Protein backbone atom coordinates (compact mmCIF):
# COMPACT_ATOMS: atom_id res chain seq x y z
CA UNK A 1 -9.21 21.82 43.25
CA UNK A 2 -9.39 23.74 40.68
CA UNK A 3 -8.90 23.73 36.88
CA UNK A 4 -10.63 21.12 34.58
CA UNK A 5 -11.13 18.57 36.95
CA UNK A 6 -12.62 21.08 39.98
CA UNK A 7 -14.81 22.30 37.40
CA UNK A 8 -15.95 18.61 36.36
CA UNK A 9 -14.86 19.15 32.79
CA UNK A 10 -12.81 16.00 33.36
CA UNK A 11 -14.01 13.32 35.46
CA UNK A 12 -11.54 10.39 34.23
CA UNK A 13 -8.03 10.15 33.31
CA UNK A 14 -7.06 7.07 31.38
CA UNK A 15 -3.24 6.34 32.08
CA UNK A 16 -1.72 3.97 29.07
CA UNK A 17 1.52 2.09 27.56
CA UNK A 18 1.83 0.03 24.90
CA UNK A 19 2.52 -3.66 25.25
CA UNK A 20 4.56 -5.16 22.34
CA UNK A 21 1.73 -5.39 19.71
CA UNK A 22 1.55 -1.42 20.45
CA UNK A 23 -1.75 -2.04 22.00
CA UNK A 24 -2.67 0.60 24.62
CA UNK A 25 -2.48 -1.18 28.21
CA UNK A 26 -3.19 0.61 31.71
CA UNK A 27 -6.00 2.04 33.79
CA UNK A 28 -9.21 4.52 34.18
CA UNK A 29 -8.20 6.93 37.28
CA UNK A 30 -11.01 9.02 39.00
CA UNK A 31 -9.87 12.43 37.79
CA UNK A 32 -9.54 13.53 41.79
CA UNK A 33 -7.38 10.98 42.36
CA UNK A 34 -5.05 11.04 39.55
CA UNK A 35 -4.58 14.69 40.78
CA UNK A 36 -4.04 14.05 44.34
CA UNK A 37 -2.05 10.86 44.00
CA UNK A 38 -1.34 9.51 40.59
CA UNK A 39 0.13 12.22 39.17
CA UNK A 40 3.00 12.52 41.80
CA UNK A 41 3.37 8.83 42.91
CA UNK A 42 2.58 7.12 39.63
CA UNK A 43 0.43 3.59 39.93
CA UNK A 44 0.81 0.02 39.35
CA UNK A 45 0.21 -2.75 36.82
CA UNK A 46 0.87 -6.54 36.53
CA UNK A 47 4.00 -7.19 34.76
CA UNK A 48 2.74 -10.09 32.82
CA UNK A 49 1.47 -7.04 30.62
CA UNK A 50 5.08 -7.49 28.71
CA UNK A 51 4.91 -11.37 28.22
CA UNK A 52 1.47 -11.86 27.34
CA UNK A 53 0.15 -13.10 23.49
CA UNK A 54 -2.70 -11.65 21.35
CA UNK A 55 -5.22 -13.40 23.64
CA UNK A 56 -3.81 -12.06 26.75
CA UNK A 57 -2.57 -15.27 27.68
CA UNK A 58 1.03 -15.39 29.88
CA UNK A 59 3.35 -16.99 27.96
CA UNK A 60 6.36 -19.20 29.39
CA UNK A 61 9.72 -18.95 28.80
CA UNK A 62 10.26 -14.92 29.67
CA UNK A 63 13.05 -13.99 32.19
CA UNK A 64 11.29 -10.68 33.00
CA UNK A 65 8.10 -11.98 34.18
CA UNK A 66 6.84 -15.93 34.97
CA UNK A 67 5.30 -17.91 37.23
CA UNK A 68 8.03 -18.70 39.32
CA UNK A 69 8.33 -14.82 40.21
CA UNK A 70 4.86 -14.58 40.58
CA UNK A 71 4.13 -12.09 38.40
CA UNK A 72 4.37 -8.93 40.44
CA UNK A 73 3.85 -5.25 39.63
CA UNK A 74 5.72 -2.52 38.31
CA UNK A 75 5.63 0.74 38.08
CA UNK A 76 3.69 3.67 35.98
CA UNK A 77 4.42 6.79 35.94
CA UNK A 78 2.78 9.67 33.71
CA UNK A 79 4.68 11.57 31.45
CA UNK A 80 2.62 14.48 32.42
CA UNK A 81 3.86 16.31 28.87
CA UNK A 82 1.45 13.20 27.39
CA UNK A 83 -1.04 14.61 29.31
CA UNK A 84 -4.32 15.69 27.11
CA UNK A 85 -7.81 16.22 26.74
CA UNK A 86 -9.27 13.02 24.68
CA UNK A 87 -11.68 14.67 23.44
CA UNK A 88 -13.87 11.56 21.64
CA UNK A 89 -14.42 10.50 25.16
CA UNK A 90 -16.89 11.85 27.52
CA UNK A 91 -15.27 14.06 30.17
CA UNK A 92 -11.57 12.17 29.63
CA UNK A 93 -8.35 13.07 29.67
CA UNK A 94 -5.44 10.50 28.67
CA UNK A 95 -2.01 10.64 29.97
CA UNK A 96 1.02 8.03 28.54
CA UNK A 97 3.38 6.30 31.15
CA UNK A 98 7.01 4.93 31.26
CA UNK A 99 7.15 1.48 32.79
CA UNK A 100 9.61 1.58 35.91
CA UNK A 101 10.74 -1.17 37.96
CA UNK A 102 9.48 -1.26 41.39
CA UNK A 103 12.70 -2.09 43.24
CA UNK A 104 15.14 -0.21 41.36
CA UNK A 105 12.38 3.04 39.83
CA UNK A 106 14.87 2.45 36.58
CA UNK A 107 12.98 2.22 33.22
CA UNK A 108 11.75 -1.15 32.24
CA UNK A 109 14.46 -1.83 29.51
CA UNK A 110 11.83 -4.27 27.30
CA UNK A 111 9.20 -1.69 27.77
CA UNK A 112 8.46 -0.40 23.98
CA UNK A 113 8.74 3.68 25.18
CA UNK A 114 12.01 2.41 27.34
CA UNK A 115 13.73 1.42 24.07
CA UNK A 116 13.15 4.58 22.39
CA UNK A 117 13.75 6.54 24.82
CA UNK A 118 17.45 4.82 25.02
CA UNK A 119 18.32 5.46 21.39
CA UNK A 120 17.15 9.49 21.64
CA UNK A 121 19.54 9.57 24.61
CA UNK A 122 22.43 8.58 22.33
CA UNK A 123 21.35 10.68 19.63
CA UNK A 124 21.63 13.67 22.04
CA UNK A 125 24.66 12.04 23.17
CA UNK A 126 26.16 12.79 19.68
CA UNK A 127 24.80 16.39 19.36
CA UNK A 128 21.81 15.42 17.49
CA UNK A 129 17.96 16.30 17.74
CA UNK A 130 15.89 13.41 15.83
CA UNK A 131 12.61 14.15 14.18
CA UNK A 132 10.22 11.95 12.47
CA UNK A 133 6.72 11.55 11.42
CA UNK A 134 4.73 8.16 10.75
CA UNK A 135 1.98 7.96 8.10
CA UNK A 136 -0.13 5.15 9.03
CA UNK A 137 -3.04 3.99 6.85
CA UNK A 138 -6.17 2.12 7.68
CA UNK A 139 -9.15 0.06 6.26
CA UNK A 140 -12.27 1.75 7.17
CA UNK A 141 -15.76 -0.39 7.41
CA UNK A 142 -19.49 0.00 7.92
CA UNK A 143 -19.86 -2.94 9.66
CA UNK A 144 -19.45 -2.92 13.61
CA UNK A 145 -16.33 -4.10 15.01
CA UNK A 146 -18.72 -6.50 17.15
CA UNK A 147 -20.71 -7.94 14.15
CA UNK A 148 -17.41 -8.13 12.06
CA UNK A 149 -15.92 -10.89 14.95
CA UNK A 150 -19.04 -12.62 14.49
CA UNK A 151 -18.79 -13.08 11.36
CA UNK A 152 -15.68 -13.98 11.48
CA UNK A 153 -14.35 -11.14 10.08
CA UNK A 154 -15.80 -12.60 6.92
CA UNK A 155 -17.76 -10.41 4.46
CA UNK A 156 -16.92 -6.66 5.64
CA UNK A 157 -18.94 -3.80 4.11
CA UNK A 158 -15.91 -1.51 2.93
CA UNK A 159 -16.71 2.09 3.43
CA UNK A 160 -15.96 2.61 -0.11
CA UNK A 161 -16.35 -0.32 -3.31
CA UNK A 162 -13.59 1.26 -5.93
CA UNK A 163 -10.16 2.40 -5.74
CA UNK A 164 -10.03 5.90 -4.56
CA UNK A 165 -6.52 6.96 -4.19
CA UNK A 166 -6.64 11.34 -4.02
CA UNK A 167 -10.28 10.75 -4.99
CA UNK A 168 -12.43 13.41 -3.64
CA UNK A 169 -15.86 11.57 -4.49
CA UNK A 170 -15.08 8.64 -2.51
CA UNK A 171 -13.34 10.58 0.35
CA UNK A 172 -16.27 12.99 0.57
CA UNK A 173 -18.39 9.84 1.44
CA UNK A 174 -16.47 8.76 4.30
CA UNK A 175 -16.03 12.33 5.63
CA UNK A 176 -18.32 11.90 8.60
CA UNK A 177 -15.60 9.56 10.04
CA UNK A 178 -12.59 10.92 8.83
CA UNK A 179 -13.43 15.16 9.70
CA UNK A 180 -14.52 14.18 13.35
CA UNK A 181 -11.65 12.09 13.56
CA UNK A 182 -9.28 14.74 12.14
CA UNK A 183 -11.41 17.31 15.02
CA UNK A 184 -10.55 14.82 18.13
CA UNK A 185 -7.05 14.54 17.21
CA UNK A 186 -6.56 18.27 16.73
CA UNK A 187 -8.39 19.01 20.27
CA UNK A 188 -6.55 15.76 21.90
CA UNK A 189 -2.93 17.59 21.06
CA UNK A 190 -2.21 15.38 17.68
CA UNK A 191 -2.03 18.42 15.40
CA UNK A 192 -3.28 16.83 11.84
CA UNK A 193 -1.91 17.94 8.24
CA UNK A 194 -4.57 15.96 5.76
CA UNK A 195 -6.67 12.88 5.07
CA UNK A 196 -7.21 11.16 1.75
CA UNK A 197 -8.28 8.01 0.08
CA UNK A 198 -5.45 5.49 -0.46
CA UNK A 199 -4.87 2.62 -3.16
CA UNK A 200 -8.10 0.46 -1.98
CA UNK A 201 -11.65 0.02 -1.46
CA UNK A 202 -12.00 1.77 1.74
CA UNK A 203 -8.58 2.54 2.26
CA UNK A 204 -7.13 5.94 4.17
CA UNK A 205 -4.39 7.79 5.12
CA UNK A 206 -4.63 10.32 7.64
CA UNK A 207 -1.59 11.97 8.85
CA UNK A 208 -0.25 14.39 11.65
CA UNK A 209 2.40 17.12 11.58
CA UNK A 210 6.03 15.86 12.79
CA UNK A 211 7.51 15.79 15.72
CA UNK A 212 10.74 14.93 18.14
CA UNK A 213 10.69 11.17 17.50
CA UNK A 214 9.48 10.22 21.48
CA UNK A 215 6.36 12.79 20.95
CA UNK A 216 5.84 11.14 17.38
CA UNK A 217 5.97 8.02 18.63
CA UNK A 218 2.77 9.09 21.48
CA UNK A 219 0.93 10.85 18.76
CA UNK A 220 1.26 7.97 16.77
CA UNK A 221 -0.39 5.69 19.72
CA UNK A 222 -3.01 8.33 20.48
CA UNK A 223 -3.85 8.50 16.33
CA UNK A 224 -4.59 4.36 16.64
CA UNK A 225 -6.63 4.83 19.57
CA UNK A 226 -8.41 7.47 18.79
CA UNK A 227 -9.32 6.32 15.60
CA UNK A 228 -10.58 2.31 16.71
CA UNK A 229 -12.63 4.35 19.30
CA UNK A 230 -14.32 7.07 17.28
CA UNK A 231 -14.72 3.96 14.58
CA UNK A 232 -16.45 1.66 17.50
CA UNK A 233 -18.97 4.74 18.82
CA UNK A 234 -20.25 5.30 15.14
CA UNK A 235 -20.73 1.56 14.73
CA UNK A 236 -17.90 1.03 12.23
CA UNK A 237 -14.44 -0.52 12.31
CA UNK A 238 -11.04 0.08 10.66
CA UNK A 239 -7.83 -2.81 10.78
CA UNK A 240 -4.35 -1.46 10.88
CA UNK A 241 -3.26 -4.98 9.62
CA UNK A 242 -0.48 -4.80 7.44
CA UNK A 243 -2.28 -6.89 4.52
CA UNK A 244 -6.03 -7.10 5.33
CA UNK A 245 -7.25 -8.84 2.06
CA UNK A 246 -4.91 -11.11 -0.22
CA UNK A 247 -6.46 -8.95 -3.49
CA UNK A 248 -5.94 -5.55 -1.92
CA UNK A 249 -3.29 -3.32 -0.94
CA UNK A 250 -1.07 -3.33 2.24
CA UNK A 251 -1.48 -0.71 4.57
CA UNK A 252 1.73 0.87 5.79
CA UNK A 253 3.60 3.15 8.27
CA UNK A 254 6.20 5.53 6.09
CA UNK A 255 8.32 6.57 8.66
CA UNK A 256 9.86 10.41 8.02
CA UNK A 257 13.47 10.72 9.84
CA UNK A 258 15.64 13.42 9.95
CA UNK A 259 18.46 14.98 12.23
CA UNK A 260 18.83 18.50 13.45
CA UNK A 261 21.71 20.14 15.06
CA UNK A 262 22.25 23.99 16.31
CA UNK A 263 18.48 24.32 15.01
CA UNK A 264 19.45 23.22 11.14
CA UNK A 265 18.67 20.32 9.44
CA UNK A 266 21.97 17.94 9.29
CA UNK A 267 20.53 16.32 6.11
CA UNK A 268 20.37 19.25 4.18
CA UNK A 269 22.27 19.41 0.93
CA UNK A 270 22.70 15.75 1.49
CA UNK A 271 25.74 16.10 3.60
CA UNK A 272 27.85 13.07 5.05
CA UNK A 273 25.77 13.09 8.27
CA UNK A 274 22.81 12.42 5.99
CA UNK A 275 24.89 9.47 3.76
CA UNK A 276 26.00 7.81 6.75
CA UNK A 277 22.72 7.76 8.29
CA UNK A 278 20.69 6.29 4.99
CA UNK A 279 23.67 3.84 4.74
CA UNK A 280 23.29 2.47 8.29
CA UNK A 281 19.56 2.22 8.10
CA UNK A 282 19.70 0.31 4.92
CA UNK A 283 22.30 -1.79 5.84
CA UNK A 284 20.59 -2.84 9.30
CA UNK A 285 17.13 -3.59 7.83
CA UNK A 286 17.54 -7.37 7.87
CA UNK A 287 19.12 -7.11 11.71
CA UNK A 288 15.92 -5.34 12.97
CA UNK A 289 13.21 -6.08 10.58
CA UNK A 290 10.84 -7.63 12.68
CA UNK A 291 10.38 -4.15 14.69
CA UNK A 292 9.08 -2.97 11.33
CA UNK A 293 7.00 -6.11 10.37
CA UNK A 294 6.18 -7.65 13.67
CA UNK A 295 3.76 -10.19 12.80
CA UNK A 296 2.94 -12.96 10.32
CA UNK A 297 0.72 -10.96 8.35
CA UNK A 298 2.98 -8.37 7.87
CA UNK A 299 5.43 -10.05 5.64
CA UNK A 300 2.22 -10.75 3.08
CA UNK A 301 2.17 -7.03 2.54
CA UNK A 302 5.77 -7.46 0.45
CA UNK A 303 4.41 -7.59 -2.99
CA UNK A 304 5.93 -6.47 -6.34
CA UNK A 305 3.80 -4.04 -7.91
CA UNK A 306 1.91 -3.28 -4.83
CA UNK A 307 3.13 0.03 -3.58
CA UNK A 308 5.29 -1.55 -1.10
CA UNK A 309 9.12 -2.17 -1.04
CA UNK A 310 10.13 -5.73 -1.81
CA UNK A 311 13.95 -4.61 -2.20
CA UNK A 312 16.44 -2.97 -0.54
CA UNK A 313 17.66 0.05 -1.95
CA UNK A 314 16.99 3.80 -2.05
CA UNK A 315 16.02 6.59 -4.56
CA UNK A 316 15.22 10.48 -5.03
CA UNK A 317 11.47 10.24 -5.00
CA UNK A 318 10.88 6.74 -6.22
CA UNK A 319 8.03 4.98 -4.63
CA UNK A 320 9.25 1.76 -5.66
CA UNK A 321 12.05 2.13 -3.13
CA UNK A 322 12.38 0.79 0.23
CA UNK A 323 14.01 4.43 0.89
CA UNK A 324 12.61 7.13 -0.80
CA UNK A 325 14.52 10.50 -0.21
CA UNK A 326 12.41 13.54 -0.47
CA UNK A 327 12.21 17.30 0.45
CA UNK A 328 14.65 20.24 -0.11
CA UNK A 329 16.67 22.20 1.98
CA UNK A 330 15.85 22.44 5.46
CA UNK A 331 12.80 20.01 4.86
CA UNK A 332 15.63 17.43 3.30
CA UNK A 333 14.33 13.92 4.64
CA UNK A 334 14.55 10.12 4.72
CA UNK A 335 10.95 8.28 4.06
CA UNK A 336 11.53 4.13 4.52
CA UNK A 337 8.32 2.91 3.41
CA UNK A 338 9.02 -0.79 4.93
CA UNK A 339 7.07 -0.69 8.28
CA UNK A 340 3.64 -1.85 7.86
CA UNK A 341 0.68 -0.42 9.89
CA UNK A 342 0.75 -2.96 12.28
CA UNK A 343 4.39 -1.87 13.85
CA UNK A 344 4.93 -0.54 17.49
CA UNK A 345 5.66 2.98 16.70
CA UNK A 346 8.41 2.87 19.61
CA UNK A 347 10.20 -0.26 18.59
CA UNK A 348 10.18 1.35 14.60
CA UNK A 349 11.66 4.28 15.30
CA UNK A 350 14.25 2.65 17.86
CA UNK A 351 15.08 0.28 15.33
CA UNK A 352 15.15 3.57 12.94
CA UNK A 353 17.46 5.69 14.75
CA UNK A 354 19.88 3.17 15.71
CA UNK A 355 20.70 1.83 12.26
CA UNK A 356 21.23 5.01 11.27
CA UNK A 357 23.29 6.50 14.32
CA UNK A 358 25.37 3.09 13.66
CA UNK A 359 26.12 4.04 10.04
CA UNK A 360 27.03 7.91 11.38
CA UNK A 361 29.38 6.42 13.89
CA UNK A 362 30.86 3.33 11.22
CA UNK A 363 30.35 6.13 8.33
CA UNK A 364 28.79 3.54 6.31
CA UNK A 365 28.11 5.10 3.10
CA UNK A 366 24.83 3.89 0.80
CA UNK A 367 25.24 2.17 -2.20
CA UNK A 368 24.70 4.20 -5.52
CA UNK A 369 20.66 6.35 -5.44
CA UNK A 370 18.61 3.56 -7.91
CA UNK A 371 17.13 4.71 -10.79
CA UNK A 372 14.00 3.31 -12.36
CA UNK A 373 11.83 0.45 -11.20
CA UNK A 374 12.97 -1.32 -8.12
CA UNK A 375 10.82 -4.37 -8.49
CA UNK A 376 12.24 -4.95 -11.59
CA UNK A 377 15.62 -5.49 -10.32
CA UNK A 378 16.15 -8.82 -9.28
CA UNK A 379 19.75 -8.64 -7.96
CA UNK A 380 18.76 -6.39 -5.38
CA UNK A 381 18.48 -7.94 -1.64
CA UNK A 382 15.07 -8.74 -1.17
CA UNK A 383 13.23 -7.60 2.40
CA UNK A 384 13.13 -10.60 4.56
CA UNK A 385 10.28 -13.32 3.69
CA UNK A 386 8.41 -14.25 6.71
CA UNK A 387 8.47 -13.65 10.67
CA UNK A 388 10.58 -16.53 11.52
CA UNK A 389 13.29 -15.77 8.78
CA UNK A 390 13.38 -11.96 10.20
CA UNK A 391 13.17 -13.14 13.76
CA UNK A 392 16.37 -15.44 13.30
CA UNK A 393 18.32 -12.83 12.00
CA UNK A 394 17.31 -10.47 15.13
CA UNK A 395 18.07 -13.09 17.81
CA UNK A 396 21.95 -13.16 15.84
CA UNK A 397 22.43 -9.91 15.20
CA UNK A 398 25.71 -8.76 16.56
CA UNK A 399 24.57 -5.15 16.02
CA UNK A 400 21.02 -5.23 17.26
CA UNK A 401 22.81 -7.15 20.64
CA UNK A 402 24.98 -3.88 20.90
CA UNK A 403 22.11 -0.94 20.11
CA UNK A 404 19.22 -2.63 22.12
CA UNK A 405 21.37 -4.99 24.89
CA UNK A 406 21.10 -8.33 25.38
CA UNK A 407 18.22 -8.47 27.65
CA UNK A 408 15.75 -6.59 24.90
CA UNK A 409 16.93 -9.29 21.96
CA UNK A 410 16.40 -12.13 24.20
CA UNK A 411 13.13 -11.02 25.24
CA UNK A 412 12.34 -10.33 21.87
CA UNK A 413 13.07 -13.21 20.00
CA UNK A 414 11.03 -15.30 22.46
CA UNK A 415 7.96 -12.76 21.91
CA UNK A 416 8.22 -12.87 18.47
CA UNK A 417 8.90 -16.71 17.91
CA UNK A 418 5.72 -17.40 19.64
CA UNK A 419 3.86 -15.32 17.70
CA UNK A 420 5.33 -17.36 14.42
CA UNK A 421 4.51 -20.62 16.25
CA UNK A 422 1.19 -19.83 16.96
CA UNK A 423 0.73 -19.26 13.17
CA UNK A 424 2.20 -22.60 12.44
CA UNK A 425 -0.10 -24.38 14.85
CA UNK A 426 -3.08 -22.44 13.15
CA UNK A 427 -5.49 -24.18 10.63
CA UNK A 428 -6.67 -21.05 8.58
CA UNK A 429 -9.56 -20.82 5.93
CA UNK A 430 -7.56 -20.77 2.82
CA UNK A 431 -6.04 -24.33 3.88
CA UNK A 432 -10.10 -25.68 3.67
CA UNK A 433 -10.89 -24.16 0.81
CA UNK A 434 -7.64 -25.42 -1.00
CA UNK A 435 -7.97 -29.17 0.65
CA UNK A 436 -11.23 -30.40 2.01
CA UNK A 437 -12.47 -31.65 -0.84
CA UNK A 438 -9.75 -32.05 -3.24
CA UNK A 439 -7.03 -33.28 -1.35
């Protein structure tokens, strides 16, 4: 056996896929076993992984997998185009997998990567290639993960102690971490552009290069895994929660999209394709909001004058807009500022593509570009207020059923309703502080 495995440079291969939350699930294989067997034939994992909640408890009520069906296996098929050295781990490589049926060998329809693959196939059928970038923000803390959990995630020490948006001095204070993250990402096949302080104490953004939509979702997944594991190894912690604290800025995942045809950006000069894609994307936000804002916490980010969008409108280079058009010529693109850092990239990009393609199909014209402070425009429609309201809209949406299939809509409606119900039953610190003595 030759190559890095034969030379002993790689001893472990991490094979993973994202669950509904966007967490990387899977197995670690001995590298020789991977080369000799798994790379050719794939592996297996329990199908309950697409029905569990955050605590890994199997949730009843799914058709896809349940106790009556015995929670069998599905097939993990490594996409060898994603195989890379995981430079932040010792002698390890990482590969992302598609989830397929053991019986039919078809893509599992409810798996996040399958959902995005389907939209990319639709895009190709129309003669387009979809390019995207996801801008992820995070909060960094000097408190280790284990200590943070022990403290109930209270009284954490932020990496910075004042707002540091674009602030070089504060950025220097965390450069030991962010330089390591940039280096590991670059050496692990995720090209890096920049990192900078954001509008929060200890909040940062690290951007990677845009790519074809599926590859971008893969890069996003590797990015999150890398940063969490580098932070853990450094005795630090970070969070991709959409709203970490009431009095702090939320963390976003701005999505940049453009369609290309025959090697040229079809959005150049704000063409009809551009207008219709924008019109469809904007029009169908309520139908697919759950894919942009998937947790109860997501909706607490949408606060006026907080840099998070609160109303559905578009504008040219205006950061108060939910949709911001930027760039010129071949760099023209649409930035959707609605998703939070907690989104699953496969689902968020699939929702974006499906909405835009519907706009092209039905020639949905966007409203006039808004000029001014959109936070002050009370007559504009607002983004949904809660996960419960968003999932109700998703479950009833004819568009969502056409775009993703009824099986996917039913499956994810159950998933998001389960998440909302778990919160409804929880007693929070806010309730104790408010009612313990004074009620």
